[in-house]
Amino acid sequence: MVDRLAELRRRLPPQARLLAVSKGHPAERLRVAAALGQRSFGESRLQEAIPKQEALADLPDLDWHFIGRLQANKARGVLRHFSTIHSVDSLELAERLARIAAEEGLQPAIFLQVKLRPDPGKTGLSVEQLRAIWPRVQALPALRPVGLMTIAPLDLALELRGGLFAECAALAAELGLGELSMGMSGDWPEAVAAGSTWVRIGSGLFGPKGCQR
């Protein structure tokens, strides 16, 4: 992991930050990454994340991002344990998060998830849906909409992913949003070239799940 992290830092431009996708990896691996200077970690399951956060409570400057599909009944727990949510995929979810965040005295950063290509395995707002709800999302209390998130379909050829990411970047600029959560282990260079500010990398950093090096 030491060499992989050093290589990622060498290749990432200044505007792109590394979100270490730590789902499926034990707290001890996150502690090693933190000792190497990594501070932002992404988890997709609340029940998996909480024990890790408790085990790493002596590292109070860690920055926790929720990147999985967020079920409405998990909203309060996610808000209590994560400062940033990358997967807000409906107005209803945004409204629920805003209400609970106000009750909890929180101001989470959120990314609106957009789906720019047909993909039955992913949720997300269409461009038309996003434009329609954007004024209402902006008006919600307690939330800080900071950017857009998108995931390329698995069957989309690598040479076509740059175009998808560029579309997302243009849409974010249209809405006045400065952050872009785009790119994973297999396509982050294409996402960064299109302007991504957060790349979500798991196996490209930690290796396959269960890997201890």
N, C-alpha and C. Protein backbone atom coordinates (compact mmCIF):
# COMPACT_ATOMS: atom_id res chain seq x y z
N MET A 1 0.83 -1.21 0.00
CA MET A 1 0.00 0.00 0.00
C MET A 1 0.86 1.26 0.00
N VAL A 2 2.01 1.22 0.61
CA VAL A 2 2.88 2.39 0.66
C VAL A 2 3.22 2.86 -0.75
N ASP A 3 3.62 1.92 -1.60
CA ASP A 3 4.00 2.28 -2.97
C ASP A 3 2.80 2.75 -3.77
N ARG A 4 1.65 2.09 -3.59
CA ARG A 4 0.46 2.48 -4.34
C ARG A 4 0.01 3.88 -3.96
N LEU A 5 0.04 4.21 -2.67
CA LEU A 5 -0.36 5.54 -2.23
C LEU A 5 0.61 6.59 -2.75
N ALA A 6 1.89 6.30 -2.71
CA ALA A 6 2.89 7.25 -3.21
C ALA A 6 2.70 7.50 -4.71
N GLU A 7 2.40 6.44 -5.46
CA GLU A 7 2.20 6.59 -6.90
C GLU A 7 0.94 7.41 -7.21
N LEU A 8 -0.13 7.17 -6.46
CA LEU A 8 -1.35 7.95 -6.66
C LEU A 8 -1.09 9.42 -6.37
N ARG A 9 -0.40 9.70 -5.29
CA ARG A 9 -0.11 11.10 -4.96
C ARG A 9 0.76 11.74 -6.03
N ARG A 10 1.65 10.98 -6.60
CA ARG A 10 2.51 11.53 -7.64
C ARG A 10 1.72 11.89 -8.88
N ARG A 11 0.73 11.07 -9.20
CA ARG A 11 0.00 11.24 -10.46
C ARG A 11 -1.20 12.17 -10.34
N LEU A 12 -1.76 12.32 -9.16
CA LEU A 12 -2.94 13.17 -9.02
C LEU A 12 -2.55 14.65 -9.10
N PRO A 13 -3.26 15.44 -9.89
CA PRO A 13 -2.97 16.87 -9.93
C PRO A 13 -3.45 17.55 -8.66
N PRO A 14 -3.03 18.77 -8.41
CA PRO A 14 -3.35 19.44 -7.14
C PRO A 14 -4.84 19.55 -6.85
N GLN A 15 -5.68 19.70 -7.90
CA GLN A 15 -7.10 19.93 -7.63
C GLN A 15 -7.85 18.64 -7.30
N ALA A 16 -7.23 17.48 -7.51
CA ALA A 16 -7.91 16.21 -7.30
C ALA A 16 -7.47 15.59 -5.98
N ARG A 17 -8.45 15.28 -5.15
CA ARG A 17 -8.16 14.67 -3.85
C ARG A 17 -8.52 13.19 -3.85
N LEU A 18 -7.79 12.45 -3.08
CA LEU A 18 -7.97 11.01 -3.01
C LEU A 18 -8.93 10.65 -1.89
N LEU A 19 -10.03 9.98 -2.25
CA LEU A 19 -10.93 9.39 -1.27
C LEU A 19 -10.64 7.90 -1.24
N ALA A 20 -10.05 7.44 -0.15
CA ALA A 20 -9.69 6.03 -0.02
C ALA A 20 -10.94 5.23 0.30
N VAL A 21 -11.37 4.39 -0.64
CA VAL A 21 -12.57 3.60 -0.44
C VAL A 21 -12.21 2.39 0.41
N SER A 22 -12.60 2.48 1.67
CA SER A 22 -12.13 1.51 2.66
C SER A 22 -13.14 0.44 2.98
N LYS A 23 -14.28 0.43 2.28
CA LYS A 23 -15.26 -0.62 2.54
C LYS A 23 -14.63 -1.98 2.25
N GLY A 24 -14.90 -2.92 3.13
CA GLY A 24 -14.35 -4.25 2.98
C GLY A 24 -12.95 -4.43 3.53
N HIS A 25 -12.37 -3.36 4.05
CA HIS A 25 -11.02 -3.43 4.62
C HIS A 25 -11.09 -3.12 6.11
N PRO A 26 -10.30 -3.80 6.93
CA PRO A 26 -10.38 -3.62 8.38
C PRO A 26 -9.78 -2.30 8.83
N ALA A 27 -10.13 -1.92 10.04
CA ALA A 27 -9.66 -0.65 10.60
C ALA A 27 -8.14 -0.58 10.64
N GLU A 28 -7.47 -1.71 10.82
CA GLU A 28 -6.01 -1.71 10.88
C GLU A 28 -5.39 -1.21 9.58
N ARG A 29 -6.03 -1.54 8.45
CA ARG A 29 -5.52 -1.08 7.16
C ARG A 29 -5.72 0.43 7.02
N LEU A 30 -6.82 0.92 7.53
CA LEU A 30 -7.07 2.36 7.49
C LEU A 30 -6.06 3.09 8.37
N ARG A 31 -5.72 2.50 9.48
CA ARG A 31 -4.74 3.12 10.38
C ARG A 31 -3.37 3.24 9.69
N VAL A 32 -3.01 2.21 8.93
CA VAL A 32 -1.75 2.27 8.19
C VAL A 32 -1.80 3.41 7.18
N ALA A 33 -2.91 3.51 6.45
CA ALA A 33 -3.05 4.58 5.47
C ALA A 33 -3.01 5.95 6.14
N ALA A 34 -3.65 6.06 7.29
CA ALA A 34 -3.66 7.33 8.02
C ALA A 34 -2.25 7.71 8.47
N ALA A 35 -1.47 6.71 8.87
CA ALA A 35 -0.09 6.98 9.28
C ALA A 35 0.75 7.49 8.11
N LEU A 36 0.31 7.17 6.88
CA LEU A 36 1.00 7.63 5.68
C LEU A 36 0.45 8.98 5.19
N GLY A 37 -0.49 9.53 5.96
CA GLY A 37 -1.00 10.85 5.63
C GLY A 37 -2.38 10.90 5.00
N GLN A 38 -3.00 9.74 4.75
CA GLN A 38 -4.34 9.74 4.16
C GLN A 38 -5.36 10.08 5.24
N ARG A 39 -6.28 10.99 4.92
CA ARG A 39 -7.25 11.42 5.92
C ARG A 39 -8.70 11.20 5.51
N SER A 40 -8.99 11.12 4.21
CA SER A 40 -10.37 10.98 3.75
C SER A 40 -10.65 9.54 3.36
N PHE A 41 -11.72 8.97 3.95
CA PHE A 41 -12.07 7.58 3.73
C PHE A 41 -13.54 7.48 3.34
N GLY A 42 -13.83 6.55 2.42
CA GLY A 42 -15.19 6.36 1.94
C GLY A 42 -15.74 5.00 2.31
N GLU A 43 -16.93 5.01 2.89
CA GLU A 43 -17.61 3.78 3.28
C GLU A 43 -19.01 3.78 2.68
N SER A 44 -19.56 2.58 2.45
CA SER A 44 -20.88 2.48 1.82
C SER A 44 -21.90 1.74 2.68
N ARG A 45 -21.49 1.23 3.83
CA ARG A 45 -22.42 0.53 4.71
C ARG A 45 -22.25 1.07 6.13
N LEU A 46 -23.32 1.61 6.66
CA LEU A 46 -23.26 2.22 7.98
C LEU A 46 -22.82 1.22 9.04
N GLN A 47 -23.39 0.01 8.98
CA GLN A 47 -23.08 -0.99 10.02
C GLN A 47 -21.64 -1.45 9.96
N GLU A 48 -20.99 -1.34 8.82
CA GLU A 48 -19.57 -1.68 8.71
C GLU A 48 -18.70 -0.51 9.15
N ALA A 49 -19.17 0.70 8.86
CA ALA A 49 -18.35 1.89 9.12
C ALA A 49 -18.25 2.22 10.61
N ILE A 50 -19.34 2.07 11.33
CA ILE A 50 -19.34 2.52 12.74
C ILE A 50 -18.26 1.84 13.57
N PRO A 51 -18.10 0.50 13.52
CA PRO A 51 -17.03 -0.12 14.31
C PRO A 51 -15.63 0.38 13.91
N LYS A 52 -15.42 0.66 12.64
CA LYS A 52 -14.13 1.20 12.21
C LYS A 52 -13.91 2.58 12.80
N GLN A 53 -14.93 3.41 12.75
CA GLN A 53 -14.80 4.75 13.30
C GLN A 53 -14.52 4.70 14.80
N GLU A 54 -15.16 3.78 15.48
CA GLU A 54 -14.90 3.63 16.92
C GLU A 54 -13.48 3.15 17.16
N ALA A 55 -13.00 2.23 16.34
CA ALA A 55 -11.64 1.71 16.51
C ALA A 55 -10.58 2.77 16.22
N LEU A 56 -10.95 3.78 15.41
CA LEU A 56 -10.01 4.83 15.02
C LEU A 56 -10.33 6.16 15.69
N ALA A 57 -11.07 6.10 16.77
CA ALA A 57 -11.51 7.33 17.45
C ALA A 57 -10.35 8.15 17.99
N ASP A 58 -9.17 7.53 18.13
CA ASP A 58 -8.01 8.28 18.59
C ASP A 58 -7.39 9.12 17.46
N LEU A 59 -7.96 9.02 16.26
CA LEU A 59 -7.51 9.83 15.12
C LEU A 59 -8.65 10.77 14.75
N PRO A 60 -8.84 11.85 15.50
CA PRO A 60 -10.04 12.67 15.35
C PRO A 60 -10.10 13.49 14.07
N ASP A 61 -9.00 13.58 13.33
CA ASP A 61 -9.01 14.41 12.12
C ASP A 61 -9.36 13.63 10.86
N LEU A 62 -9.80 12.38 11.00
CA LEU A 62 -10.21 11.63 9.82
C LEU A 62 -11.49 12.22 9.25
N ASP A 63 -11.59 12.16 7.93
CA ASP A 63 -12.69 12.78 7.19
C ASP A 63 -13.49 11.65 6.55
N TRP A 64 -14.71 11.42 7.03
CA TRP A 64 -15.50 10.27 6.61
C TRP A 64 -16.56 10.67 5.58
N HIS A 65 -16.57 9.95 4.45
CA HIS A 65 -17.51 10.20 3.36
C HIS A 65 -18.38 8.95 3.17
N PHE A 66 -19.68 9.17 3.03
CA PHE A 66 -20.59 8.06 2.73
C PHE A 66 -20.79 8.01 1.22
N ILE A 67 -20.49 6.85 0.60
CA ILE A 67 -20.51 6.75 -0.85
C ILE A 67 -21.51 5.73 -1.36
N GLY A 68 -22.18 5.01 -0.49
CA GLY A 68 -23.12 3.98 -0.93
C GLY A 68 -24.52 4.52 -1.15
N ARG A 69 -25.36 3.67 -1.68
CA ARG A 69 -26.77 4.04 -1.82
C ARG A 69 -27.36 4.23 -0.43
N LEU A 70 -28.01 5.34 -0.22
CA LEU A 70 -28.49 5.70 1.11
C LEU A 70 -29.98 5.40 1.24
N GLN A 71 -30.30 4.44 2.09
CA GLN A 71 -31.69 4.13 2.38
C GLN A 71 -32.25 5.16 3.36
N ALA A 72 -33.51 5.52 3.16
CA ALA A 72 -34.12 6.58 3.97
C ALA A 72 -34.04 6.27 5.46
N ASN A 73 -34.20 5.00 5.83
CA ASN A 73 -34.20 4.67 7.26
C ASN A 73 -32.82 4.72 7.89
N LYS A 74 -31.79 4.88 7.07
CA LYS A 74 -30.42 5.01 7.59
C LYS A 74 -29.94 6.46 7.60
N ALA A 75 -30.81 7.38 7.22
CA ALA A 75 -30.38 8.77 7.03
C ALA A 75 -29.81 9.37 8.31
N ARG A 76 -30.49 9.18 9.43
CA ARG A 76 -30.02 9.80 10.68
C ARG A 76 -28.66 9.24 11.08
N GLY A 77 -28.51 7.94 11.00
CA GLY A 77 -27.24 7.33 11.36
C GLY A 77 -26.11 7.79 10.48
N VAL A 78 -26.37 7.88 9.18
CA VAL A 78 -25.34 8.35 8.26
C VAL A 78 -24.97 9.79 8.56
N LEU A 79 -25.94 10.63 8.82
CA LEU A 79 -25.64 12.03 9.13
C LEU A 79 -24.81 12.15 10.40
N ARG A 80 -25.05 11.30 11.37
CA ARG A 80 -24.30 11.38 12.62
C ARG A 80 -22.85 10.92 12.47
N HIS A 81 -22.58 10.11 11.45
CA HIS A 81 -21.26 9.49 11.34
C HIS A 81 -20.45 9.95 10.14
N PHE A 82 -21.06 10.72 9.24
CA PHE A 82 -20.35 11.15 8.03
C PHE A 82 -20.57 12.64 7.79
N SER A 83 -19.50 13.33 7.44
CA SER A 83 -19.61 14.76 7.16
C SER A 83 -19.95 15.06 5.72
N THR A 84 -19.77 14.08 4.84
CA THR A 84 -20.02 14.27 3.41
C THR A 84 -20.76 13.05 2.88
N ILE A 85 -21.77 13.29 2.05
CA ILE A 85 -22.57 12.22 1.44
C ILE A 85 -22.51 12.38 -0.07
N HIS A 86 -22.07 11.34 -0.77
CA HIS A 86 -21.85 11.41 -2.21
C HIS A 86 -23.02 10.88 -3.03
N SER A 87 -24.10 10.44 -2.40
CA SER A 87 -25.08 9.64 -3.13
C SER A 87 -26.52 10.12 -2.92
N VAL A 88 -26.75 11.41 -2.98
CA VAL A 88 -28.11 11.95 -2.86
C VAL A 88 -28.75 11.88 -4.24
N ASP A 89 -29.71 10.98 -4.40
CA ASP A 89 -30.22 10.67 -5.73
C ASP A 89 -31.70 11.01 -5.94
N SER A 90 -32.28 11.81 -5.04
CA SER A 90 -33.66 12.23 -5.21
C SER A 90 -33.95 13.45 -4.35
N LEU A 91 -34.96 14.21 -4.74
CA LEU A 91 -35.38 15.34 -3.92
C LEU A 91 -35.90 14.87 -2.58
N GLU A 92 -36.61 13.75 -2.56
CA GLU A 92 -37.17 13.24 -1.32
C GLU A 92 -36.06 12.93 -0.31
N LEU A 93 -34.98 12.33 -0.79
CA LEU A 93 -33.86 12.03 0.10
C LEU A 93 -33.21 13.32 0.59
N ALA A 94 -33.03 14.28 -0.29
CA ALA A 94 -32.44 15.56 0.11
C ALA A 94 -33.30 16.23 1.17
N GLU A 95 -34.60 16.21 1.00
CA GLU A 95 -35.50 16.83 1.98
C GLU A 95 -35.43 16.12 3.32
N ARG A 96 -35.35 14.80 3.30
CA ARG A 96 -35.24 14.04 4.55
C ARG A 96 -33.93 14.36 5.25
N LEU A 97 -32.85 14.39 4.50
CA LEU A 97 -31.55 14.72 5.08
C LEU A 97 -31.55 16.13 5.67
N ALA A 98 -32.17 17.06 4.97
CA ALA A 98 -32.21 18.44 5.46
C ALA A 98 -32.97 18.53 6.77
N ARG A 99 -34.10 17.84 6.85
CA ARG A 99 -34.89 17.88 8.08
C ARG A 99 -34.12 17.28 9.25
N ILE A 100 -33.52 16.12 9.04
CA ILE A 100 -32.80 15.46 10.13
C ILE A 100 -31.54 16.23 10.50
N ALA A 101 -30.83 16.75 9.50
CA ALA A 101 -29.63 17.52 9.79
C ALA A 101 -29.96 18.74 10.64
N ALA A 102 -31.08 19.41 10.36
CA ALA A 102 -31.49 20.55 11.16
C ALA A 102 -31.79 20.11 12.59
N GLU A 103 -32.45 18.98 12.74
CA GLU A 103 -32.75 18.47 14.08
C GLU A 103 -31.47 18.14 14.85
N GLU A 104 -30.46 17.65 14.15
CA GLU A 104 -29.22 17.22 14.79
C GLU A 104 -28.19 18.35 14.90
N GLY A 105 -28.51 19.51 14.34
CA GLY A 105 -27.55 20.62 14.36
C GLY A 105 -26.34 20.38 13.47
N LEU A 106 -26.56 19.73 12.35
CA LEU A 106 -25.47 19.38 11.44
C LEU A 106 -25.60 20.14 10.13
N GLN A 107 -24.49 20.24 9.39
CA GLN A 107 -24.49 20.86 8.07
C GLN A 107 -23.63 20.02 7.12
N PRO A 108 -24.15 18.87 6.70
CA PRO A 108 -23.35 17.99 5.85
C PRO A 108 -23.17 18.54 4.45
N ALA A 109 -22.04 18.22 3.86
CA ALA A 109 -21.83 18.48 2.44
C ALA A 109 -22.46 17.33 1.67
N ILE A 110 -23.14 17.65 0.56
CA ILE A 110 -23.75 16.59 -0.23
C ILE A 110 -23.35 16.73 -1.70
N PHE A 111 -23.24 15.58 -2.34
CA PHE A 111 -23.11 15.49 -3.79
C PHE A 111 -24.41 14.91 -4.33
N LEU A 112 -24.93 15.50 -5.38
CA LEU A 112 -26.10 14.96 -6.06
C LEU A 112 -25.64 13.95 -7.09
N GLN A 113 -26.20 12.75 -7.02
CA GLN A 113 -25.79 11.68 -7.92
C GLN A 113 -26.57 11.76 -9.22
N VAL A 114 -25.86 11.83 -10.33
CA VAL A 114 -26.50 11.90 -11.65
C VAL A 114 -26.16 10.65 -12.45
N LYS A 115 -27.12 10.21 -13.24
CA LYS A 115 -26.93 9.05 -14.11
C LYS A 115 -27.03 9.54 -15.55
N LEU A 116 -25.90 9.56 -16.23
CA LEU A 116 -25.82 10.14 -17.56
C LEU A 116 -25.91 9.11 -18.68
N ARG A 117 -25.91 7.83 -18.33
CA ARG A 117 -26.09 6.77 -19.31
C ARG A 117 -27.01 5.71 -18.69
N PRO A 118 -27.77 4.99 -19.51
CA PRO A 118 -28.59 3.90 -18.96
C PRO A 118 -27.72 2.90 -18.20
N ASP A 119 -28.17 2.56 -17.01
CA ASP A 119 -27.40 1.64 -16.18
C ASP A 119 -28.34 1.06 -15.13
N PRO A 120 -28.88 -0.14 -15.37
CA PRO A 120 -29.85 -0.71 -14.42
C PRO A 120 -29.28 -0.98 -13.04
N GLY A 121 -27.97 -1.02 -12.92
CA GLY A 121 -27.36 -1.30 -11.63
C GLY A 121 -27.12 -0.07 -10.78
N LYS A 122 -27.45 1.11 -11.28
CA LYS A 122 -27.15 2.35 -10.55
C LYS A 122 -28.39 3.23 -10.46
N THR A 123 -28.48 3.98 -9.38
CA THR A 123 -29.50 5.00 -9.26
C THR A 123 -28.89 6.34 -9.64
N GLY A 124 -29.72 7.35 -9.69
CA GLY A 124 -29.21 8.69 -10.00
C GLY A 124 -30.25 9.52 -10.71
N LEU A 125 -30.07 10.81 -10.62
CA LEU A 125 -30.97 11.75 -11.28
C LEU A 125 -30.59 11.90 -12.75
N SER A 126 -31.59 12.00 -13.60
CA SER A 126 -31.31 12.36 -14.98
C SER A 126 -30.97 13.85 -15.02
N VAL A 127 -30.43 14.30 -16.14
CA VAL A 127 -30.12 15.72 -16.28
C VAL A 127 -31.38 16.56 -16.12
N GLU A 128 -32.48 16.12 -16.72
CA GLU A 128 -33.73 16.87 -16.63
C GLU A 128 -34.24 16.91 -15.21
N GLN A 129 -34.18 15.79 -14.51
CA GLN A 129 -34.63 15.76 -13.11
C GLN A 129 -33.78 16.68 -12.25
N LEU A 130 -32.47 16.64 -12.46
CA LEU A 130 -31.58 17.47 -11.66
C LEU A 130 -31.90 18.95 -11.87
N ARG A 131 -32.04 19.36 -13.11
CA ARG A 131 -32.36 20.77 -13.37
C ARG A 131 -33.69 21.17 -12.75
N ALA A 132 -34.65 20.25 -12.75
CA ALA A 132 -35.97 20.57 -12.22
C ALA A 132 -35.96 20.74 -10.70
N ILE A 133 -35.18 19.92 -10.00
CA ILE A 133 -35.22 19.98 -8.54
C ILE A 133 -34.17 20.92 -7.96
N TRP A 134 -33.22 21.38 -8.76
CA TRP A 134 -32.10 22.14 -8.24
C TRP A 134 -32.52 23.37 -7.44
N PRO A 135 -33.48 24.19 -7.89
CA PRO A 135 -33.87 25.34 -7.06
C PRO A 135 -34.39 24.92 -5.68
N ARG A 136 -35.09 23.80 -5.61
CA ARG A 136 -35.62 23.36 -4.32
C ARG A 136 -34.51 22.81 -3.43
N VAL A 137 -33.54 22.14 -4.03
CA VAL A 137 -32.41 21.64 -3.24
C VAL A 137 -31.61 22.82 -2.68
N GLN A 138 -31.39 23.83 -3.50
CA GLN A 138 -30.65 25.01 -3.03
C GLN A 138 -31.32 25.67 -1.84
N ALA A 139 -32.65 25.60 -1.80
CA ALA A 139 -33.40 26.29 -0.75
C ALA A 139 -33.50 25.50 0.54
N LEU A 140 -33.04 24.25 0.54
CA LEU A 140 -33.16 23.44 1.75
C LEU A 140 -32.21 23.93 2.83
N PRO A 141 -32.69 23.99 4.07
CA PRO A 141 -31.79 24.37 5.16
C PRO A 141 -30.87 23.22 5.54
N ALA A 142 -29.77 23.56 6.15
CA ALA A 142 -28.85 22.60 6.80
C ALA A 142 -27.98 21.81 5.84
N LEU A 143 -28.34 21.73 4.56
CA LEU A 143 -27.50 20.99 3.62
C LEU A 143 -26.57 21.94 2.88
N ARG A 144 -25.40 21.44 2.52
CA ARG A 144 -24.45 22.20 1.70
C ARG A 144 -24.21 21.43 0.40
N PRO A 145 -24.98 21.70 -0.65
CA PRO A 145 -24.72 21.03 -1.92
C PRO A 145 -23.41 21.54 -2.50
N VAL A 146 -22.45 20.66 -2.65
CA VAL A 146 -21.12 21.10 -3.09
C VAL A 146 -20.76 20.61 -4.49
N GLY A 147 -21.44 19.56 -4.98
CA GLY A 147 -21.02 19.05 -6.26
C GLY A 147 -21.91 17.94 -6.78
N LEU A 148 -21.45 17.32 -7.87
CA LEU A 148 -22.13 16.21 -8.50
C LEU A 148 -21.26 14.96 -8.42
N MET A 149 -21.93 13.83 -8.36
CA MET A 149 -21.24 12.55 -8.40
C MET A 149 -21.83 11.71 -9.53
N THR A 150 -20.98 11.01 -10.25
CA THR A 150 -21.46 10.08 -11.26
C THR A 150 -20.54 8.88 -11.32
N ILE A 151 -21.10 7.76 -11.78
CA ILE A 151 -20.35 6.51 -11.94
C ILE A 151 -20.57 6.02 -13.35
N ALA A 152 -19.53 5.70 -14.05
CA ALA A 152 -19.65 5.18 -15.41
C ALA A 152 -20.18 3.75 -15.37
N PRO A 153 -21.09 3.38 -16.27
CA PRO A 153 -21.53 1.98 -16.34
C PRO A 153 -20.35 1.05 -16.57
N LEU A 154 -20.44 -0.13 -16.00
CA LEU A 154 -19.34 -1.09 -16.11
C LEU A 154 -19.06 -1.46 -17.56
N ASP A 155 -20.11 -1.48 -18.40
CA ASP A 155 -19.91 -1.91 -19.77
C ASP A 155 -19.56 -0.76 -20.72
N LEU A 156 -19.36 0.44 -20.18
CA LEU A 156 -18.99 1.56 -21.03
C LEU A 156 -17.48 1.51 -21.29
N ALA A 157 -17.10 1.51 -22.55
CA ALA A 157 -15.69 1.42 -22.90
C ALA A 157 -14.89 2.56 -22.29
N LEU A 158 -13.66 2.25 -21.92
CA LEU A 158 -12.83 3.24 -21.23
C LEU A 158 -12.66 4.50 -22.07
N GLU A 159 -12.53 4.35 -23.39
CA GLU A 159 -12.31 5.51 -24.24
C GLU A 159 -13.55 6.42 -24.33
N LEU A 160 -14.71 5.92 -23.87
CA LEU A 160 -15.92 6.72 -23.89
C LEU A 160 -16.21 7.37 -22.53
N ARG A 161 -15.48 6.97 -21.53
CA ARG A 161 -15.78 7.48 -20.19
C ARG A 161 -15.37 8.94 -20.02
N GLY A 162 -14.34 9.35 -20.72
CA GLY A 162 -13.94 10.75 -20.64
C GLY A 162 -15.06 11.68 -21.07
N GLY A 163 -15.81 11.28 -22.10
CA GLY A 163 -16.93 12.09 -22.55
C GLY A 163 -18.02 12.17 -21.51
N LEU A 164 -18.31 11.05 -20.85
CA LEU A 164 -19.31 11.05 -19.79
C LEU A 164 -18.89 11.98 -18.65
N PHE A 165 -17.63 11.88 -18.25
CA PHE A 165 -17.16 12.73 -17.15
C PHE A 165 -17.17 14.20 -17.56
N ALA A 166 -16.87 14.50 -18.81
CA ALA A 166 -16.91 15.89 -19.27
C ALA A 166 -18.33 16.43 -19.23
N GLU A 167 -19.31 15.59 -19.54
CA GLU A 167 -20.71 16.00 -19.46
C GLU A 167 -21.08 16.36 -18.01
N CYS A 168 -20.63 15.54 -17.10
CA CYS A 168 -20.93 15.81 -15.69
C CYS A 168 -20.28 17.12 -15.24
N ALA A 169 -19.05 17.34 -15.67
CA ALA A 169 -18.35 18.57 -15.31
C ALA A 169 -19.08 19.80 -15.87
N ALA A 170 -19.57 19.69 -17.10
CA ALA A 170 -20.30 20.81 -17.70
C ALA A 170 -21.59 21.08 -16.95
N LEU A 171 -22.27 20.03 -16.52
CA LEU A 171 -23.51 20.18 -15.77
C LEU A 171 -23.25 20.84 -14.42
N ALA A 172 -22.18 20.43 -13.75
CA ALA A 172 -21.82 21.05 -12.47
C ALA A 172 -21.53 22.53 -12.65
N ALA A 173 -20.81 22.88 -13.71
CA ALA A 173 -20.52 24.29 -13.98
C ALA A 173 -21.79 25.08 -14.24
N GLU A 174 -22.74 24.47 -14.96
CA GLU A 174 -24.02 25.13 -15.23
C GLU A 174 -24.76 25.47 -13.94
N LEU A 175 -24.65 24.58 -12.94
CA LEU A 175 -25.35 24.78 -11.67
C LEU A 175 -24.53 25.57 -10.66
N GLY A 176 -23.31 25.91 -11.01
CA GLY A 176 -22.46 26.66 -10.11
C GLY A 176 -21.85 25.82 -9.01
N LEU A 177 -21.67 24.53 -9.26
CA LEU A 177 -21.10 23.61 -8.27
C LEU A 177 -19.63 23.37 -8.59
N GLY A 178 -18.80 23.43 -7.58
CA GLY A 178 -17.36 23.36 -7.81
C GLY A 178 -16.72 22.01 -7.61
N GLU A 179 -17.46 21.05 -7.04
CA GLU A 179 -16.86 19.75 -6.73
C GLU A 179 -17.41 18.67 -7.65
N LEU A 180 -16.56 17.71 -7.99
CA LEU A 180 -16.94 16.59 -8.84
C LEU A 180 -16.38 15.30 -8.25
N SER A 181 -17.26 14.39 -7.89
CA SER A 181 -16.85 13.08 -7.39
C SER A 181 -16.98 12.09 -8.55
N MET A 182 -15.88 11.87 -9.25
CA MET A 182 -15.89 11.05 -10.46
C MET A 182 -14.59 10.26 -10.54
N GLY A 183 -14.70 9.03 -10.98
CA GLY A 183 -13.51 8.22 -11.22
C GLY A 183 -13.23 7.27 -10.08
N MET A 184 -12.95 6.02 -10.46
CA MET A 184 -12.59 4.99 -9.49
C MET A 184 -11.30 4.32 -9.95
N SER A 185 -10.98 3.19 -9.38
CA SER A 185 -9.66 2.59 -9.63
C SER A 185 -9.40 2.37 -11.11
N GLY A 186 -10.44 2.02 -11.89
CA GLY A 186 -10.23 1.70 -13.28
C GLY A 186 -10.31 2.85 -14.25
N ASP A 187 -10.81 4.01 -13.81
CA ASP A 187 -11.00 5.11 -14.76
C ASP A 187 -10.70 6.48 -14.18
N TRP A 188 -9.98 6.52 -13.08
CA TRP A 188 -9.75 7.83 -12.46
C TRP A 188 -8.92 8.77 -13.34
N PRO A 189 -7.94 8.29 -14.14
CA PRO A 189 -7.21 9.27 -14.98
C PRO A 189 -8.14 10.01 -15.95
N GLU A 190 -9.12 9.28 -16.53
CA GLU A 190 -10.06 9.91 -17.43
C GLU A 190 -10.93 10.92 -16.69
N ALA A 191 -11.31 10.59 -15.45
CA ALA A 191 -12.13 11.51 -14.66
C ALA A 191 -11.35 12.76 -14.28
N VAL A 192 -10.12 12.59 -13.89
CA VAL A 192 -9.29 13.74 -13.52
C VAL A 192 -9.06 14.65 -14.72
N ALA A 193 -8.86 14.05 -15.88
CA ALA A 193 -8.68 14.86 -17.08
C ALA A 193 -9.90 15.71 -17.39
N ALA A 194 -11.08 15.25 -16.95
CA ALA A 194 -12.32 15.99 -17.17
C ALA A 194 -12.62 16.97 -16.04
N GLY A 195 -11.80 16.98 -14.99
CA GLY A 195 -11.98 17.95 -13.92
C GLY A 195 -12.40 17.41 -12.58
N SER A 196 -12.35 16.10 -12.38
CA SER A 196 -12.77 15.54 -11.09
C SER A 196 -11.94 16.12 -9.95
N THR A 197 -12.62 16.39 -8.84
CA THR A 197 -11.93 16.90 -7.66
C THR A 197 -11.84 15.86 -6.54
N TRP A 198 -12.60 14.76 -6.68
CA TRP A 198 -12.51 13.64 -5.75
C TRP A 198 -12.49 12.35 -6.57
N VAL A 199 -11.47 11.54 -6.40
CA VAL A 199 -11.44 10.22 -7.02
C VAL A 199 -11.59 9.18 -5.92
N ARG A 200 -12.46 8.20 -6.17
CA ARG A 200 -12.80 7.19 -5.16
C ARG A 200 -12.05 5.90 -5.50
N ILE A 201 -11.00 5.63 -4.77
CA ILE A 201 -10.12 4.51 -5.13
C ILE A 201 -10.03 3.53 -3.96
N GLY A 202 -10.39 2.28 -4.26
CA GLY A 202 -10.32 1.22 -3.26
C GLY A 202 -9.22 0.23 -3.57
N SER A 203 -9.48 -0.68 -4.54
CA SER A 203 -8.49 -1.71 -4.85
C SER A 203 -7.20 -1.11 -5.39
N GLY A 204 -7.28 0.04 -6.05
CA GLY A 204 -6.07 0.68 -6.56
C GLY A 204 -5.17 1.21 -5.47
N LEU A 205 -5.69 1.28 -4.25
CA LEU A 205 -4.90 1.73 -3.10
C LEU A 205 -4.63 0.57 -2.15
N PHE A 206 -5.70 -0.08 -1.70
CA PHE A 206 -5.57 -1.12 -0.69
C PHE A 206 -5.24 -2.49 -1.29
N GLY A 207 -5.41 -2.64 -2.62
CA GLY A 207 -5.31 -3.95 -3.22
C GLY A 207 -6.64 -4.69 -3.07
N PRO A 208 -6.72 -5.93 -3.55
CA PRO A 208 -7.95 -6.69 -3.40
C PRO A 208 -8.34 -6.85 -1.94
N LYS A 209 -9.64 -6.98 -1.69
CA LYS A 209 -10.08 -7.17 -0.32
C LYS A 209 -9.42 -8.39 0.27
N GLY A 210 -8.92 -8.22 1.48
CA GLY A 210 -8.18 -9.29 2.13
C GLY A 210 -6.67 -9.15 1.96
N CYS A 211 -6.26 -8.27 1.03
CA CYS A 211 -4.83 -8.05 0.83
C CYS A 211 -4.24 -7.31 2.03
N GLN A 212 -3.10 -7.72 2.48
CA GLN A 212 -2.50 -7.11 3.66
C GLN A 212 -1.24 -6.32 3.35
N ARG A 213 -0.99 -6.03 2.05
CA ARG A 213 0.22 -5.31 1.71
C ARG A 213 -0.13 -4.00 0.99
